[in-house]
Amino acid sequence: MVTLASAPVLVNVRVEMNDHETMTVELHETNETRHLVAYESKRIRDTLASLSAGARVPVEMVRAGSRSNVWKAVALHGRQSAPADQSARTAN
């Protein structure tokens, strides 16, 4: 069964990407915590890896597991906001 991505949602980076390529984000509107563990492309992974805690970015994602709160980022949209002088380009 193929899971379709939802519309992009604005997320706040809570825990930066670690050595296992996992990061924790929080949905801006609902405060729901999600763990990003997979990425549609290296470019998406690299863009998200460049973000520090506190950055915001619109992400389109799908569930990566059936029983856990793990997600796959399938697209980035628009430009993210970042604290201070942090910046990164978005990727699809």
C-alpha atoms as a PDB file:
ATOM      1  CA  MET A   1       0.000   0.000   0.000  1.00  0.00           C
ATOM      2  CA  VAL A   2       1.357   3.398  -0.998  1.00  0.00           C
ATOM      3  CA  THR A   3       0.890   6.240   1.469  1.00  0.00           C
ATOM      4  CA  LEU A   4       0.381   9.647  -0.094  1.00  0.00           C
ATOM      5  CA  ALA A   5       2.024  12.690   1.403  1.00  0.00           C
ATOM      6  CA  SER A   6      -0.114  15.208   3.174  1.00  0.00           C
ATOM      7  CA  ALA A   7       0.007  18.903   2.417  1.00  0.00           C
ATOM      8  CA  PRO A   8       3.168  20.611   3.637  1.00  0.00           C
ATOM      9  CA  VAL A   9       3.162  21.568   7.307  1.00  0.00           C
ATOM     10  CA  LEU A  10       5.342  24.103   9.076  1.00  0.00           C
ATOM     11  CA  VAL A  11       7.625  22.362  11.555  1.00  0.00           C
ATOM     12  CA  ASN A  12       9.990  23.623  14.218  1.00  0.00           C
ATOM     13  CA  VAL A  13      13.283  21.747  14.527  1.00  0.00           C
ATOM     14  CA  ARG A  14      13.486  20.551  18.144  1.00  0.00           C
ATOM     15  CA  VAL A  15      16.500  18.211  17.936  1.00  0.00           C
ATOM     16  CA  GLU A  16      19.009  18.575  15.104  1.00  0.00           C
ATOM     17  CA  MET A  17      19.805  15.634  12.844  1.00  0.00           C
ATOM     18  CA  ASN A  18      22.041  13.095  14.584  1.00  0.00           C
ATOM     19  CA  ASP A  19      24.631  10.634  13.248  1.00  0.00           C
ATOM     20  CA  HIS A  20      21.842   8.145  12.463  1.00  0.00           C
ATOM     21  CA  GLU A  21      20.123  10.740  10.220  1.00  0.00           C
ATOM     22  CA  THR A  22      17.192  11.161  12.600  1.00  0.00           C
ATOM     23  CA  MET A  23      15.802  14.485  13.753  1.00  0.00           C
ATOM     24  CA  THR A  24      12.907  15.567  15.945  1.00  0.00           C
ATOM     25  CA  VAL A  25      10.478  18.203  14.718  1.00  0.00           C
ATOM     26  CA  GLU A  26       7.312  19.691  16.164  1.00  0.00           C
ATOM     27  CA  LEU A  27       4.332  20.702  14.049  1.00  0.00           C
ATOM     28  CA  HIS A  28       3.991  24.446  14.495  1.00  0.00           C
ATOM     29  CA  GLU A  29       0.189  24.548  14.707  1.00  0.00           C
ATOM     30  CA  THR A  30      -0.504  21.487  16.874  1.00  0.00           C
ATOM     31  CA  ASN A  31       2.760  20.967  18.824  1.00  0.00           C
ATOM     32  CA  GLU A  32       2.735  17.305  17.691  1.00  0.00           C
ATOM     33  CA  THR A  33       6.196  15.746  17.852  1.00  0.00           C
ATOM     34  CA  ARG A  34       7.436  13.725  14.878  1.00  0.00           C
ATOM     35  CA  HIS A  35      10.714  11.931  14.219  1.00  0.00           C
ATOM     36  CA  LEU A  36      12.096  12.262  10.688  1.00  0.00           C
ATOM     37  CA  VAL A  37      14.056   9.097   9.889  1.00  0.00           C
ATOM     38  CA  ALA A  38      13.980   8.882   6.085  1.00  0.00           C
ATOM     39  CA  TYR A  39      14.315  11.352   3.222  1.00  0.00           C
ATOM     40  CA  GLU A  40      13.106  11.238  -0.385  1.00  0.00           C
ATOM     41  CA  SER A  41      16.458  12.523  -1.644  1.00  0.00           C
ATOM     42  CA  LYS A  42      19.967  13.315  -0.475  1.00  0.00           C
ATOM     43  CA  ARG A  43      19.260  16.973  -1.191  1.00  0.00           C
ATOM     44  CA  ILE A  44      16.302  17.027   1.224  1.00  0.00           C
ATOM     45  CA  ARG A  45      18.368  15.198   3.851  1.00  0.00           C
ATOM     46  CA  ASP A  46      21.278  17.618   3.448  1.00  0.00           C
ATOM     47  CA  THR A  47      19.015  20.664   3.686  1.00  0.00           C
ATOM     48  CA  LEU A  48      17.362  19.403   6.862  1.00  0.00           C
ATOM     49  CA  ALA A  49      20.743  18.363   8.305  1.00  0.00           C
ATOM     50  CA  SER A  50      21.969  21.941   7.932  1.00  0.00           C
ATOM     51  CA  LEU A  51      19.243  23.297  10.234  1.00  0.00           C
ATOM     52  CA  SER A  52      19.760  24.048  13.912  1.00  0.00           C
ATOM     53  CA  ALA A  53      17.243  23.652  16.703  1.00  0.00           C
ATOM     54  CA  GLY A  54      14.676  26.439  16.493  1.00  0.00           C
ATOM     55  CA  ALA A  55      14.601  26.659  12.691  1.00  0.00           C
ATOM     56  CA  ARG A  56      11.221  26.434  10.943  1.00  0.00           C
ATOM     57  CA  VAL A  57      10.598  24.862   7.557  1.00  0.00           C
ATOM     58  CA  PRO A  58       7.515  23.671   5.638  1.00  0.00           C
ATOM     59  CA  VAL A  59       7.854  19.902   5.110  1.00  0.00           C
ATOM     60  CA  GLU A  60       5.734  17.417   3.228  1.00  0.00           C
ATOM     61  CA  MET A  61       5.991  13.993   4.894  1.00  0.00           C
ATOM     62  CA  VAL A  62       4.571  10.483   4.981  1.00  0.00           C
ATOM     63  CA  ARG A  63       4.631   7.836   7.707  1.00  0.00           C
ATOM     64  CA  ALA A  64       7.775   5.703   7.556  1.00  0.00           C
ATOM     65  CA  GLY A  65       6.486   3.041   9.934  1.00  0.00           C
ATOM     66  CA  SER A  66       3.135   1.534  10.705  1.00  0.00           C
ATOM     67  CA  ARG A  67       3.311   1.545  14.523  1.00  0.00           C
ATOM     68  CA  SER A  68       5.811   4.217  15.416  1.00  0.00           C
ATOM     69  CA  ASN A  69       5.893   7.973  15.212  1.00  0.00           C
ATOM     70  CA  VAL A  70       8.493   7.953  12.438  1.00  0.00           C
ATOM     71  CA  TRP A  71       8.173   9.912   9.216  1.00  0.00           C
ATOM     72  CA  LYS A  72       9.804  10.331   5.804  1.00  0.00           C
ATOM     73  CA  ALA A  73      10.348  13.848   4.433  1.00  0.00           C
ATOM     74  CA  VAL A  74       9.296  13.798   0.781  1.00  0.00           C
ATOM     75  CA  ALA A  75       9.481  17.504  -0.097  1.00  0.00           C
ATOM     76  CA  LEU A  76      10.370  20.904   1.303  1.00  0.00           C
ATOM     77  CA  HIS A  77       8.355  23.988   0.385  1.00  0.00           C
ATOM     78  CA  GLY A  78       9.064  27.689   0.416  1.00  0.00           C
ATOM     79  CA  ARG A  79      11.762  29.112   2.612  1.00  0.00           C
ATOM     80  CA  GLN A  80      12.300  28.298   6.239  1.00  0.00           C
ATOM     81  CA  SER A  81      12.835  30.845   8.965  1.00  0.00           C
ATOM     82  CA  ALA A  82      15.878  30.405  11.129  1.00  0.00           C
ATOM     83  CA  PRO A  83      17.159  31.966  14.313  1.00  0.00           C
ATOM     84  CA  ALA A  84      19.897  34.616  14.048  1.00  0.00           C
ATOM     85  CA  ASP A  85      22.190  34.205  11.031  1.00  0.00           C
ATOM     86  CA  GLN A  86      21.313  30.605  10.199  1.00  0.00           C
ATOM     87  CA  SER A  87      20.127  30.051   6.647  1.00  0.00           C
ATOM     88  CA  ALA A  88      19.744  27.169   4.221  1.00  0.00           C
ATOM     89  CA  ARG A  89      18.204  26.686   0.801  1.00  0.00           C
ATOM     90  CA  THR A  90      15.170  24.460   0.494  1.00  0.00           C
ATOM     91  CA  ALA A  91      15.129  21.459  -1.811  1.00  0.00           C
ATOM     92  CA  ASN A  92      12.652  19.112  -3.462  1.00  0.00           C
END
